[in-house]
Amino acid sequence: MIERKLLLGDEAIALGAIHAGISGVYAYPGTPSTEITEYIQGHAPEVRSRWCTNEKTAMEAALGMSYAGKRALVCMKHVGMNVAADAFVNSAITGVNGGLVVLAADDPSMHSSQNEQDSRFYGKFAMIPILEPSTQQEAYDMMKYAYALSEEKKLPVLLRVVTRLAHSRAGVVVNDLMPQNALNPDKERTWVLLPAIARRQYASLVAKQPDLVESSEHSPYNGMNAFEGKAKLGVIACGIGYNYVMENDPQSLGIPVLKVSQYPLPEASIKALAAQCESLLVAEDGQPLVEEQVKAILGADYALKGRLTGDLPRMGELPPDCVGAALG
């Protein structure tokens, strides 16, 4: 049955995970991620739920469930990724069996945190797919997509959100619950990373990279608005930054916009947009990860604007008013 609910971004993620048929959620509490596990505990008693000693043990417990063929979710805030890094990076090399989503809730402007680190760097470092919703509706919808992507690519998927999305409410259209999948151990795979096995698995991970880029090029969460001809300015808008750009009605300003909510970056789409525009603005909430990569893709001579150039603030959240000013 389709219905509409008023949900926090965290609640939309939690309900999306429940409806995607997860069997377990493992977490260490930390704002702005805590409400996800709390919501699952209160609304899905059939889902195994554990508050763990730390983020590393949460990651390891979720991996164990995935290896057995069941869908699992692990939740933490951005600094928790530092604690989970050992198991997280290795999970990309072992691969997964049942779908595994790692939820990292970043906190730009440090509302309740000691730093502003951007979890997308961890996804890039581990060479796995990253999803970054721009709305609460996308946060809900992305969960089923993320589990399907994880099981298709046999890799964990990093879902990155920021405080403003996690802790604001919106109407979300929700669908029917999927049943939990049965235990389905993969007896052909070896999950222990002895060097001889790790070398083989790492080669497999590297070989998957062109396929992950191709997946981003055709992702339902990436794409450009309808625009023809040439433009003085174009925008690459990432995650919640897409919302802030669209609030300024770029269509009426004659500004083409490429939305990026799945990584690795869709390089062909970026090059096509750059060929259409004299300059590009990168709108991303967090550190200038995409801006740095786009500069590498397009070359130092291309006119690229963003946090590194001062067109958007270098620190803190991405303020909507600053996005409007940068768009002129």
C-alpha atoms as a PDB file:
ATOM      1  CA  MET A   1       0.000   0.000   0.000  1.00  0.00           C
ATOM      2  CA  ILE A   2       1.334   3.424  -0.968  1.00  0.00           C
ATOM      3  CA  GLU A   3       1.012   6.135   1.683  1.00  0.00           C
ATOM      4  CA  ARG A   4       2.566   9.484   2.575  1.00  0.00           C
ATOM      5  CA  LYS A   5       4.389  10.139   5.853  1.00  0.00           C
ATOM      6  CA  LEU A   6       6.049  13.175   7.422  1.00  0.00           C
ATOM      7  CA  LEU A   7       9.575  11.973   8.214  1.00  0.00           C
ATOM      8  CA  LEU A   8      12.948  13.194   9.329  1.00  0.00           C
ATOM      9  CA  GLY A   9      15.672  12.335   6.859  1.00  0.00           C
ATOM     10  CA  ASP A  10      16.966   9.796   9.392  1.00  0.00           C
ATOM     11  CA  GLU A  11      13.493   8.277   9.701  1.00  0.00           C
ATOM     12  CA  ALA A  12      13.161   8.084   5.914  1.00  0.00           C
ATOM     13  CA  ILE A  13      16.446   6.160   5.756  1.00  0.00           C
ATOM     14  CA  ALA A  14      15.323   3.832   8.547  1.00  0.00           C
ATOM     15  CA  LEU A  15      11.944   3.134   6.964  1.00  0.00           C
ATOM     16  CA  GLY A  16      13.585   2.666   3.564  1.00  0.00           C
ATOM     17  CA  ALA A  17      15.912   0.075   5.103  1.00  0.00           C
ATOM     18  CA  ILE A  18      12.998  -1.737   6.772  1.00  0.00           C
ATOM     19  CA  HIS A  19      11.049  -1.760   3.511  1.00  0.00           C
ATOM     20  CA  ALA A  20      14.164  -3.029   1.681  1.00  0.00           C
ATOM     21  CA  GLY A  21      14.008  -6.164   3.824  1.00  0.00           C
ATOM     22  CA  ILE A  22      16.975  -5.726   6.147  1.00  0.00           C
ATOM     23  CA  SER A  23      17.586  -8.405   8.740  1.00  0.00           C
ATOM     24  CA  GLY A  24      19.868  -6.412  11.026  1.00  0.00           C
ATOM     25  CA  VAL A  25      21.035  -2.933  12.004  1.00  0.00           C
ATOM     26  CA  TYR A  26      24.252  -2.368  13.937  1.00  0.00           C
ATOM     27  CA  ALA A  27      25.305   1.060  15.152  1.00  0.00           C
ATOM     28  CA  TYR A  28      27.210   3.243  17.543  1.00  0.00           C
ATOM     29  CA  PRO A  29      25.187   6.316  18.618  1.00  0.00           C
ATOM     30  CA  GLY A  30      26.261   9.717  17.365  1.00  0.00           C
ATOM     31  CA  THR A  31      24.397  12.780  16.119  1.00  0.00           C
ATOM     32  CA  PRO A  32      23.143  13.125  13.413  1.00  0.00           C
ATOM     33  CA  SER A  33      22.804   9.348  12.846  1.00  0.00           C
ATOM     34  CA  THR A  34      21.255   8.088  16.096  1.00  0.00           C
ATOM     35  CA  GLU A  35      17.584   8.394  15.127  1.00  0.00           C
ATOM     36  CA  ILE A  36      17.975   5.819  12.349  1.00  0.00           C
ATOM     37  CA  THR A  37      18.609   2.908  14.687  1.00  0.00           C
ATOM     38  CA  GLU A  38      16.096   4.223  17.235  1.00  0.00           C
ATOM     39  CA  TYR A  39      13.381   4.308  14.565  1.00  0.00           C
ATOM     40  CA  ILE A  40      14.124   0.746  13.443  1.00  0.00           C
ATOM     41  CA  GLN A  41      14.051  -0.453  17.053  1.00  0.00           C
ATOM     42  CA  GLY A  42      10.650   1.192  17.574  1.00  0.00           C
ATOM     43  CA  HIS A  43       9.006   0.168  14.307  1.00  0.00           C
ATOM     44  CA  ALA A  44      10.534  -3.173  13.247  1.00  0.00           C
ATOM     45  CA  PRO A  45      10.979  -5.586  16.165  1.00  0.00           C
ATOM     46  CA  GLU A  46      11.622  -8.382  13.661  1.00  0.00           C
ATOM     47  CA  VAL A  47      14.911  -6.698  12.650  1.00  0.00           C
ATOM     48  CA  ARG A  48      17.893  -7.664  14.795  1.00  0.00           C
ATOM     49  CA  SER A  49      19.193  -4.437  16.331  1.00  0.00           C
ATOM     50  CA  ARG A  50      22.343  -3.860  18.359  1.00  0.00           C
ATOM     51  CA  TRP A  51      24.065  -0.822  19.833  1.00  0.00           C
ATOM     52  CA  CYS A  52      27.703  -1.853  19.580  1.00  0.00           C
ATOM     53  CA  THR A  53      30.830  -1.171  21.606  1.00  0.00           C
ATOM     54  CA  ASN A  54      32.169   1.040  18.831  1.00  0.00           C
ATOM     55  CA  GLU A  55      31.826   1.607  15.091  1.00  0.00           C
ATOM     56  CA  LYS A  56      34.396  -1.047  14.184  1.00  0.00           C
ATOM     57  CA  THR A  57      32.486  -3.804  15.972  1.00  0.00           C
ATOM     58  CA  ALA A  58      29.243  -2.529  14.399  1.00  0.00           C
ATOM     59  CA  MET A  59      30.836  -2.782  10.963  1.00  0.00           C
ATOM     60  CA  GLU A  60      32.142  -6.265  11.666  1.00  0.00           C
ATOM     61  CA  ALA A  61      28.789  -7.519  12.955  1.00  0.00           C
ATOM     62  CA  ALA A  62      26.994  -6.185   9.887  1.00  0.00           C
ATOM     63  CA  LEU A  63      29.609  -7.825   7.663  1.00  0.00           C
ATOM     64  CA  GLY A  64      28.992 -11.163   9.350  1.00  0.00           C
ATOM     65  CA  MET A  65      25.285 -10.914   8.567  1.00  0.00           C
ATOM     66  CA  SER A  66      26.077  -9.952   4.955  1.00  0.00           C
ATOM     67  CA  TYR A  67      28.470 -12.883   4.518  1.00  0.00           C
ATOM     68  CA  ALA A  68      25.584 -15.163   5.559  1.00  0.00           C
ATOM     69  CA  GLY A  69      23.475 -13.729   2.739  1.00  0.00           C
ATOM     70  CA  LYS A  70      21.215 -11.371   4.730  1.00  0.00           C
ATOM     71  CA  ARG A  71      20.780  -7.619   4.192  1.00  0.00           C
ATOM     72  CA  ALA A  72      22.348  -5.452   6.913  1.00  0.00           C
ATOM     73  CA  LEU A  73      22.700  -1.771   7.787  1.00  0.00           C
ATOM     74  CA  VAL A  74      25.483  -0.188   9.838  1.00  0.00           C
ATOM     75  CA  CYS A  75      25.089   3.410  11.091  1.00  0.00           C
ATOM     76  CA  MET A  76      27.528   5.961  12.480  1.00  0.00           C
ATOM     77  CA  LYS A  77      28.405   9.630  12.328  1.00  0.00           C
ATOM     78  CA  HIS A  78      31.322  10.893  10.262  1.00  0.00           C
ATOM     79  CA  VAL A  79      34.035  10.606  12.935  1.00  0.00           C
ATOM     80  CA  GLY A  80      32.910   7.028  13.507  1.00  0.00           C
ATOM     81  CA  MET A  81      34.263   6.222  10.063  1.00  0.00           C
ATOM     82  CA  ASN A  82      37.733   6.694  11.531  1.00  0.00           C
ATOM     83  CA  VAL A  83      37.049   3.953  14.084  1.00  0.00           C
ATOM     84  CA  ALA A  84      35.443   1.630  11.521  1.00  0.00           C
ATOM     85  CA  ALA A  85      38.063   2.275   8.821  1.00  0.00           C
ATOM     86  CA  ASP A  86      39.934  -1.023   9.219  1.00  0.00           C
ATOM     87  CA  ALA A  87      36.870  -3.216   8.696  1.00  0.00           C
ATOM     88  CA  PHE A  88      35.280  -0.750   6.251  1.00  0.00           C
ATOM     89  CA  VAL A  89      38.194  -0.599   3.800  1.00  0.00           C
ATOM     90  CA  ASN A  90      38.752  -4.359   4.012  1.00  0.00           C
ATOM     91  CA  SER A  91      35.047  -4.997   3.296  1.00  0.00           C
ATOM     92  CA  ALA A  92      35.566  -3.596  -0.187  1.00  0.00           C
ATOM     93  CA  ILE A  93      38.232  -6.246  -0.776  1.00  0.00           C
ATOM     94  CA  THR A  94      36.350  -9.194   0.735  1.00  0.00           C
ATOM     95  CA  GLY A  95      33.184  -8.037  -1.005  1.00  0.00           C
ATOM     96  CA  VAL A  96      29.714  -8.866   0.335  1.00  0.00           C
ATOM     97  CA  ASN A  97      27.007 -11.479  -0.141  1.00  0.00           C
ATOM     98  CA  GLY A  98      23.775 -10.049   1.235  1.00  0.00           C
ATOM     99  CA  GLY A  99      23.427  -6.317   0.571  1.00  0.00           C
ATOM    100  CA  LEU A 100      25.377  -4.105   2.985  1.00  0.00           C
ATOM    101  CA  VAL A 101      24.802  -0.356   3.374  1.00  0.00           C
ATOM    102  CA  VAL A 102      27.119   1.775   5.520  1.00  0.00           C
ATOM    103  CA  LEU A 103      25.349   4.954   6.639  1.00  0.00           C
ATOM    104  CA  ALA A 104      27.666   7.857   7.488  1.00  0.00           C
ATOM    105  CA  ALA A 105      26.018  11.039   8.776  1.00  0.00           C
ATOM    106  CA  ASP A 106      28.325  14.028   8.314  1.00  0.00           C
ATOM    107  CA  ASP A 107      28.109  17.202  10.400  1.00  0.00           C
ATOM    108  CA  PRO A 108      29.297  20.286   8.464  1.00  0.00           C
ATOM    109  CA  SER A 109      29.679  23.315  10.778  1.00  0.00           C
ATOM    110  CA  MET A 110      30.294  20.926  13.706  1.00  0.00           C
ATOM    111  CA  HIS A 111      26.908  21.363  15.409  1.00  0.00           C
ATOM    112  CA  SER A 112      27.711  18.379  17.650  1.00  0.00           C
ATOM    113  CA  SER A 113      31.132  17.221  16.471  1.00  0.00           C
ATOM    114  CA  GLN A 114      34.840  17.840  16.787  1.00  0.00           C
ATOM    115  CA  ASN A 115      35.605  18.181  13.087  1.00  0.00           C
ATOM    116  CA  GLU A 116      34.082  18.613   9.610  1.00  0.00           C
ATOM    117  CA  GLN A 117      35.476  15.582   7.800  1.00  0.00           C
ATOM    118  CA  ASP A 118      33.699  14.371   4.666  1.00  0.00           C
ATOM    119  CA  SER A 119      32.869  10.652   4.544  1.00  0.00           C
ATOM    120  CA  ARG A 120      32.884  10.619   0.746  1.00  0.00           C
ATOM    121  CA  PHE A 121      36.688  10.468   0.957  1.00  0.00           C
ATOM    122  CA  TYR A 122      36.365   7.076   2.660  1.00  0.00           C
ATOM    123  CA  GLY A 123      34.148   5.758  -0.124  1.00  0.00           C
ATOM    124  CA  LYS A 124      36.606   6.980  -2.758  1.00  0.00           C
ATOM    125  CA  PHE A 125      39.533   5.524  -0.798  1.00  0.00           C
ATOM    126  CA  ALA A 126      37.812   2.130  -0.514  1.00  0.00           C
ATOM    127  CA  MET A 127      36.741   2.306  -4.201  1.00  0.00           C
ATOM    128  CA  ILE A 128      33.088   1.477  -3.570  1.00  0.00           C
ATOM    129  CA  PRO A 129      29.832   3.101  -4.752  1.00  0.00           C
ATOM    130  CA  ILE A 130      28.645   6.153  -2.797  1.00  0.00           C
ATOM    131  CA  LEU A 131      25.082   7.452  -2.689  1.00  0.00           C
ATOM    132  CA  GLU A 132      24.188  10.952  -1.457  1.00  0.00           C
ATOM    133  CA  PRO A 133      20.463  11.829  -1.331  1.00  0.00           C
ATOM    134  CA  SER A 134      19.295  15.372  -1.974  1.00  0.00           C
ATOM    135  CA  THR A 135      15.868  15.014  -0.302  1.00  0.00           C
ATOM    136  CA  GLN A 136      14.096  12.907   2.296  1.00  0.00           C
ATOM    137  CA  GLN A 137      12.198  11.178  -0.523  1.00  0.00           C
ATOM    138  CA  GLU A 138      15.463  10.212  -2.171  1.00  0.00           C
ATOM    139  CA  ALA A 139      16.831   9.054   1.175  1.00  0.00           C
ATOM    140  CA  TYR A 140      13.899   6.628   1.438  1.00  0.00           C
ATOM    141  CA  ASP A 141      13.984   5.501  -2.202  1.00  0.00           C
ATOM    142  CA  MET A 142      17.758   5.065  -2.237  1.00  0.00           C
ATOM    143  CA  MET A 143      17.682   2.298   0.351  1.00  0.00           C
ATOM    144  CA  LYS A 144      16.119  -0.330  -1.926  1.00  0.00           C
ATOM    145  CA  TYR A 145      18.346   0.888  -4.758  1.00  0.00           C
ATOM    146  CA  ALA A 146      21.434   0.726  -2.520  1.00  0.00           C
ATOM    147  CA  TYR A 147      20.777  -2.876  -1.462  1.00  0.00           C
ATOM    148  CA  ALA A 148      20.131  -3.959  -5.037  1.00  0.00           C
ATOM    149  CA  LEU A 149      23.341  -2.183  -6.141  1.00  0.00           C
ATOM    150  CA  SER A 150      25.330  -3.778  -3.313  1.00  0.00           C
ATOM    151  CA  GLU A 151      24.174  -7.270  -4.253  1.00  0.00           C
ATOM    152  CA  GLU A 152      24.694  -6.665  -7.975  1.00  0.00           C
ATOM    153  CA  LYS A 153      28.261  -5.385  -7.568  1.00  0.00           C
ATOM    154  CA  LYS A 154      29.045  -7.613  -4.552  1.00  0.00           C
ATOM    155  CA  LEU A 155      30.341  -4.535  -2.718  1.00  0.00           C
ATOM    156  CA  PRO A 156      29.264  -2.512   0.311  1.00  0.00           C
ATOM    157  CA  VAL A 157      27.600   0.808  -0.527  1.00  0.00           C
ATOM    158  CA  LEU A 158      28.309   4.004   1.422  1.00  0.00           C
ATOM    159  CA  LEU A 159      25.243   6.228   1.952  1.00  0.00           C
ATOM    160  CA  ARG A 160      26.341   9.713   3.002  1.00  0.00           C
ATOM    161  CA  VAL A 161      23.961  12.298   4.467  1.00  0.00           C
ATOM    162  CA  VAL A 162      24.487  15.642   6.208  1.00  0.00           C
ATOM    163  CA  THR A 163      22.889  17.199   9.286  1.00  0.00           C
ATOM    164  CA  ARG A 164      20.359  19.377   7.421  1.00  0.00           C
ATOM    165  CA  LEU A 165      18.932  16.374   5.601  1.00  0.00           C
ATOM    166  CA  ALA A 166      19.096  14.025   8.597  1.00  0.00           C
ATOM    167  CA  HIS A 167      17.329  16.454  10.962  1.00  0.00           C
ATOM    168  CA  SER A 168      14.715  18.154   8.763  1.00  0.00           C
ATOM    169  CA  ARG A 169      11.270  16.790   7.891  1.00  0.00           C
ATOM    170  CA  ALA A 170       9.432  16.392   4.604  1.00  0.00           C
ATOM    171  CA  GLY A 171       6.563  14.423   3.150  1.00  0.00           C
ATOM    172  CA  VAL A 172       7.721  11.023   1.892  1.00  0.00           C
ATOM    173  CA  VAL A 173       5.732   8.597  -0.250  1.00  0.00           C
ATOM    174  CA  VAL A 174       6.434   5.072   0.987  1.00  0.00           C
ATOM    175  CA  ASN A 175       5.738   1.667  -0.569  1.00  0.00           C
ATOM    176  CA  ASP A 176       5.216  -1.881   0.586  1.00  0.00           C
ATOM    177  CA  LEU A 177       7.537  -3.865   2.817  1.00  0.00           C
ATOM    178  CA  MET A 178       9.837  -6.399   1.158  1.00  0.00           C
ATOM    179  CA  PRO A 179      10.254  -9.694   3.061  1.00  0.00           C
ATOM    180  CA  GLN A 180      13.618 -10.475   4.575  1.00  0.00           C
ATOM    181  CA  ASN A 181      15.706 -12.720   2.363  1.00  0.00           C
ATOM    182  CA  ALA A 182      16.632 -16.212   3.557  1.00  0.00           C
ATOM    183  CA  LEU A 183      20.078 -17.243   4.726  1.00  0.00           C
ATOM    184  CA  ASN A 184      22.157 -17.910   1.631  1.00  0.00           C
ATOM    185  CA  PRO A 185      25.840 -18.512   2.410  1.00  0.00           C
ATOM    186  CA  ASP A 186      28.199 -18.224  -0.557  1.00  0.00           C
ATOM    187  CA  LYS A 187      30.280 -21.382  -0.239  1.00  0.00           C
ATOM    188  CA  GLU A 188      32.435 -20.473  -3.244  1.00  0.00           C
ATOM    189  CA  ARG A 189      33.836 -17.317  -1.664  1.00  0.00           C
ATOM    190  CA  THR A 190      36.639 -16.951   0.865  1.00  0.00           C
ATOM    191  CA  TRP A 191      36.116 -14.087   3.308  1.00  0.00           C
ATOM    192  CA  VAL A 192      39.511 -14.229   5.048  1.00  0.00           C
ATOM    193  CA  LEU A 193      42.112 -11.795   3.718  1.00  0.00           C
ATOM    194  CA  LEU A 194      45.275 -13.846   3.814  1.00  0.00           C
ATOM    195  CA  PRO A 195      47.736 -12.138   1.443  1.00  0.00           C
ATOM    196  CA  ALA A 196      47.273 -14.607  -1.429  1.00  0.00           C
ATOM    197  CA  ILE A 197      43.488 -14.196  -1.240  1.00  0.00           C
ATOM    198  CA  ALA A 198      43.665 -10.432  -0.682  1.00  0.00           C
ATOM    199  CA  ARG A 199      45.787  -9.901  -3.799  1.00  0.00           C
ATOM    200  CA  ARG A 200      43.255 -11.766  -5.919  1.00  0.00           C
ATOM    201  CA  GLN A 201      40.297  -9.922  -4.360  1.00  0.00           C
ATOM    202  CA  TYR A 202      41.986  -6.520  -4.703  1.00  0.00           C
ATOM    203  CA  ALA A 203      42.578  -7.175  -8.406  1.00  0.00           C
ATOM    204  CA  SER A 204      38.867  -7.950  -8.716  1.00  0.00           C
ATOM    205  CA  LEU A 205      37.972  -4.683  -6.949  1.00  0.00           C
ATOM    206  CA  VAL A 206      40.195  -2.657  -9.283  1.00  0.00           C
ATOM    207  CA  ALA A 207      38.695  -4.415 -12.306  1.00  0.00           C
ATOM    208  CA  LYS A 208      35.206  -3.344 -11.187  1.00  0.00           C
ATOM    209  CA  GLN A 209      35.991   0.385 -11.287  1.00  0.00           C
ATOM    210  CA  PRO A 210      35.008   1.052 -14.949  1.00  0.00           C
ATOM    211  CA  ASP A 211      31.717  -0.740 -14.289  1.00  0.00           C
ATOM    212  CA  LEU A 212      31.062   1.459 -11.233  1.00  0.00           C
ATOM    213  CA  VAL A 213      31.669   4.597 -13.305  1.00  0.00           C
ATOM    214  CA  GLU A 214      29.319   3.272 -15.984  1.00  0.00           C
ATOM    215  CA  SER A 215      26.702   2.636 -13.293  1.00  0.00           C
ATOM    216  CA  SER A 216      26.985   6.266 -12.189  1.00  0.00           C
ATOM    217  CA  GLU A 217      26.603   7.497 -15.761  1.00  0.00           C
ATOM    218  CA  HIS A 218      23.229   5.719 -15.998  1.00  0.00           C
ATOM    219  CA  SER A 219      22.115   6.161 -12.401  1.00  0.00           C
ATOM    220  CA  PRO A 220      18.535   7.372 -11.833  1.00  0.00           C
ATOM    221  CA  TYR A 221      20.023   9.729  -9.238  1.00  0.00           C
ATOM    222  CA  ASN A 222      22.437  11.466 -11.620  1.00  0.00           C
ATOM    223  CA  GLY A 223      21.451  13.568 -14.616  1.00  0.00           C
ATOM    224  CA  MET A 224      21.244  16.994 -16.236  1.00  0.00           C
ATOM    225  CA  ASN A 225      18.254  19.285 -16.574  1.00  0.00           C
ATOM    226  CA  ALA A 226      16.956  19.926 -20.090  1.00  0.00           C
ATOM    227  CA  PHE A 227      19.149  22.614 -21.665  1.00  0.00           C
ATOM    228  CA  GLU A 228      20.241  23.383 -25.210  1.00  0.00           C
ATOM    229  CA  GLY A 229      22.939  25.629 -26.598  1.00  0.00           C
ATOM    230  CA  LYS A 230      25.814  27.313 -24.785  1.00  0.00           C
ATOM    231  CA  ALA A 231      25.853  28.860 -21.322  1.00  0.00           C
ATOM    232  CA  LYS A 232      28.213  31.150 -19.429  1.00  0.00           C
ATOM    233  CA  LEU A 233      27.824  29.143 -16.231  1.00  0.00           C
ATOM    234  CA  GLY A 234      26.902  25.545 -15.451  1.00  0.00           C
ATOM    235  CA  VAL A 235      26.532  23.811 -12.094  1.00  0.00           C
ATOM    236  CA  ILE A 236      27.514  20.435 -10.714  1.00  0.00           C
ATOM    237  CA  ALA A 237      25.236  19.998  -7.690  1.00  0.00           C
ATOM    238  CA  CYS A 238      25.915  17.205  -5.205  1.00  0.00           C
ATOM    239  CA  GLY A 239      23.494  15.783  -2.673  1.00  0.00           C
ATOM    240  CA  ILE A 240      21.635  18.416  -0.697  1.00  0.00           C
ATOM    241  CA  GLY A 241      23.501  21.077  -2.690  1.00  0.00           C
ATOM    242  CA  TYR A 242      21.129  20.212  -5.547  1.00  0.00           C
ATOM    243  CA  ASN A 243      18.213  21.429  -3.424  1.00  0.00           C
ATOM    244  CA  TYR A 244      19.931  24.728  -2.739  1.00  0.00           C
ATOM    245  CA  VAL A 245      20.701  25.250  -6.419  1.00  0.00           C
ATOM    246  CA  MET A 246      17.156  24.430  -7.534  1.00  0.00           C
ATOM    247  CA  GLU A 247      15.690  26.899  -5.006  1.00  0.00           C
ATOM    248  CA  ASN A 248      17.255  29.634  -7.149  1.00  0.00           C
ATOM    249  CA  ASP A 249      15.424  28.479 -10.316  1.00  0.00           C
ATOM    250  CA  PRO A 250      18.506  27.937 -12.508  1.00  0.00           C
ATOM    251  CA  GLN A 251      16.300  27.161 -15.519  1.00  0.00           C
ATOM    252  CA  SER A 252      15.047  30.766 -15.657  1.00  0.00           C
ATOM    253  CA  LEU A 253      18.635  31.979 -15.253  1.00  0.00           C
ATOM    254  CA  GLY A 254      19.767  29.927 -18.244  1.00  0.00           C
ATOM    255  CA  ILE A 255      22.033  27.742 -16.096  1.00  0.00           C
ATOM    256  CA  PRO A 256      22.354  24.010 -16.880  1.00  0.00           C
ATOM    257  CA  VAL A 257      22.626  21.775 -13.803  1.00  0.00           C
ATOM    258  CA  LEU A 258      24.177  18.322 -13.516  1.00  0.00           C
ATOM    259  CA  LYS A 259      22.902  16.520 -10.418  1.00  0.00           C
ATOM    260  CA  VAL A 260      25.354  14.092  -8.822  1.00  0.00           C
ATOM    261  CA  SER A 261      24.028  11.765  -6.120  1.00  0.00           C
ATOM    262  CA  GLN A 262      25.918   8.605  -7.054  1.00  0.00           C
ATOM    263  CA  TYR A 263      29.690   8.173  -7.181  1.00  0.00           C
ATOM    264  CA  PRO A 264      32.260   7.489  -8.668  1.00  0.00           C
ATOM    265  CA  LEU A 265      31.763  10.688 -10.615  1.00  0.00           C
ATOM    266  CA  PRO A 266      30.085  10.354 -14.030  1.00  0.00           C
ATOM    267  CA  GLU A 267      33.059  11.686 -15.980  1.00  0.00           C
ATOM    268  CA  ALA A 268      31.425  11.639 -19.418  1.00  0.00           C
ATOM    269  CA  SER A 269      28.486  13.702 -18.155  1.00  0.00           C
ATOM    270  CA  ILE A 270      30.846  16.206 -16.523  1.00  0.00           C
ATOM    271  CA  LYS A 271      32.845  16.606 -19.724  1.00  0.00           C
ATOM    272  CA  ALA A 272      29.649  17.067 -21.737  1.00  0.00           C
ATOM    273  CA  LEU A 273      28.464  19.798 -19.363  1.00  0.00           C
ATOM    274  CA  ALA A 274      31.858  21.513 -19.415  1.00  0.00           C
ATOM    275  CA  ALA A 275      31.830  21.582 -23.240  1.00  0.00           C
ATOM    276  CA  GLN A 276      28.502  23.411 -23.047  1.00  0.00           C
ATOM    277  CA  CYS A 277      29.598  26.042 -20.509  1.00  0.00           C
ATOM    278  CA  GLU A 278      32.288  28.691 -20.179  1.00  0.00           C
ATOM    279  CA  SER A 279      32.672  27.936 -16.470  1.00  0.00           C
ATOM    280  CA  LEU A 280      31.321  25.522 -13.842  1.00  0.00           C
ATOM    281  CA  LEU A 281      30.306  25.965 -10.211  1.00  0.00           C
ATOM    282  CA  VAL A 282      30.543  22.933  -7.904  1.00  0.00           C
ATOM    283  CA  ALA A 283      27.933  23.033  -5.115  1.00  0.00           C
ATOM    284  CA  GLU A 284      28.696  20.389  -2.463  1.00  0.00           C
ATOM    285  CA  ASP A 285      28.009  20.363   1.277  1.00  0.00           C
ATOM    286  CA  GLY A 286      31.263  19.322   2.874  1.00  0.00           C
ATOM    287  CA  GLN A 287      34.864  19.399   1.747  1.00  0.00           C
ATOM    288  CA  PRO A 288      35.763  20.121  -1.907  1.00  0.00           C
ATOM    289  CA  LEU A 289      36.075  16.460  -2.926  1.00  0.00           C
ATOM    290  CA  VAL A 290      34.172  16.820  -6.196  1.00  0.00           C
ATOM    291  CA  GLU A 291      35.735  20.190  -6.999  1.00  0.00           C
ATOM    292  CA  GLU A 292      39.216  18.671  -6.778  1.00  0.00           C
ATOM    293  CA  GLN A 293      38.248  15.692  -8.928  1.00  0.00           C
ATOM    294  CA  VAL A 294      36.523  17.834 -11.562  1.00  0.00           C
ATOM    295  CA  LYS A 295      39.609  20.035 -11.766  1.00  0.00           C
ATOM    296  CA  ALA A 296      41.649  16.927 -12.465  1.00  0.00           C
ATOM    297  CA  ILE A 297      39.163  15.770 -15.113  1.00  0.00           C
ATOM    298  CA  LEU A 298      38.890  19.121 -16.945  1.00  0.00           C
ATOM    299  CA  GLY A 299      42.405  20.451 -16.468  1.00  0.00           C
ATOM    300  CA  ALA A 300      43.820  23.495 -14.704  1.00  0.00           C
ATOM    301  CA  ASP A 301      42.876  25.890 -17.524  1.00  0.00           C
ATOM    302  CA  TYR A 302      39.132  25.326 -17.224  1.00  0.00           C
ATOM    303  CA  ALA A 303      37.266  27.997 -15.209  1.00  0.00           C
ATOM    304  CA  LEU A 304      36.019  26.052 -12.190  1.00  0.00           C
ATOM    305  CA  LYS A 305      34.394  27.719  -9.189  1.00  0.00           C
ATOM    306  CA  GLY A 306      33.568  26.423  -5.733  1.00  0.00           C
ATOM    307  CA  ARG A 307      34.895  26.256  -2.209  1.00  0.00           C
ATOM    308  CA  LEU A 308      38.554  26.309  -3.232  1.00  0.00           C
ATOM    309  CA  THR A 309      38.139  29.525  -5.231  1.00  0.00           C
ATOM    310  CA  GLY A 310      36.173  31.435  -2.595  1.00  0.00           C
ATOM    311  CA  ASP A 311      32.980  31.560  -4.670  1.00  0.00           C
ATOM    312  CA  LEU A 312      31.458  29.409  -1.902  1.00  0.00           C
ATOM    313  CA  PRO A 313      32.637  29.409   1.733  1.00  0.00           C
ATOM    314  CA  ARG A 314      35.581  27.116   2.444  1.00  0.00           C
ATOM    315  CA  MET A 315      34.320  26.044   5.883  1.00  0.00           C
ATOM    316  CA  GLY A 316      30.999  25.091   7.401  1.00  0.00           C
ATOM    317  CA  GLU A 317      27.700  24.133   5.834  1.00  0.00           C
ATOM    318  CA  LEU A 318      26.761  25.149   2.330  1.00  0.00           C
ATOM    319  CA  PRO A 319      24.454  28.146   2.940  1.00  0.00           C
ATOM    320  CA  PRO A 320      21.612  28.452   0.382  1.00  0.00           C
ATOM    321  CA  ASP A 321      22.077  32.242   0.202  1.00  0.00           C
ATOM    322  CA  CYS A 322      25.730  31.825  -0.746  1.00  0.00           C
ATOM    323  CA  VAL A 323      24.693  29.427  -3.517  1.00  0.00           C
ATOM    324  CA  GLY A 324      22.275  32.079  -4.807  1.00  0.00           C
ATOM    325  CA  ALA A 325      25.021  34.714  -4.778  1.00  0.00           C
ATOM    326  CA  ALA A 326      27.415  32.412  -6.627  1.00  0.00           C
ATOM    327  CA  LEU A 327      24.731  31.852  -9.276  1.00  0.00           C
ATOM    328  CA  GLY A 328      24.422  35.602  -9.721  1.00  0.00           C
END
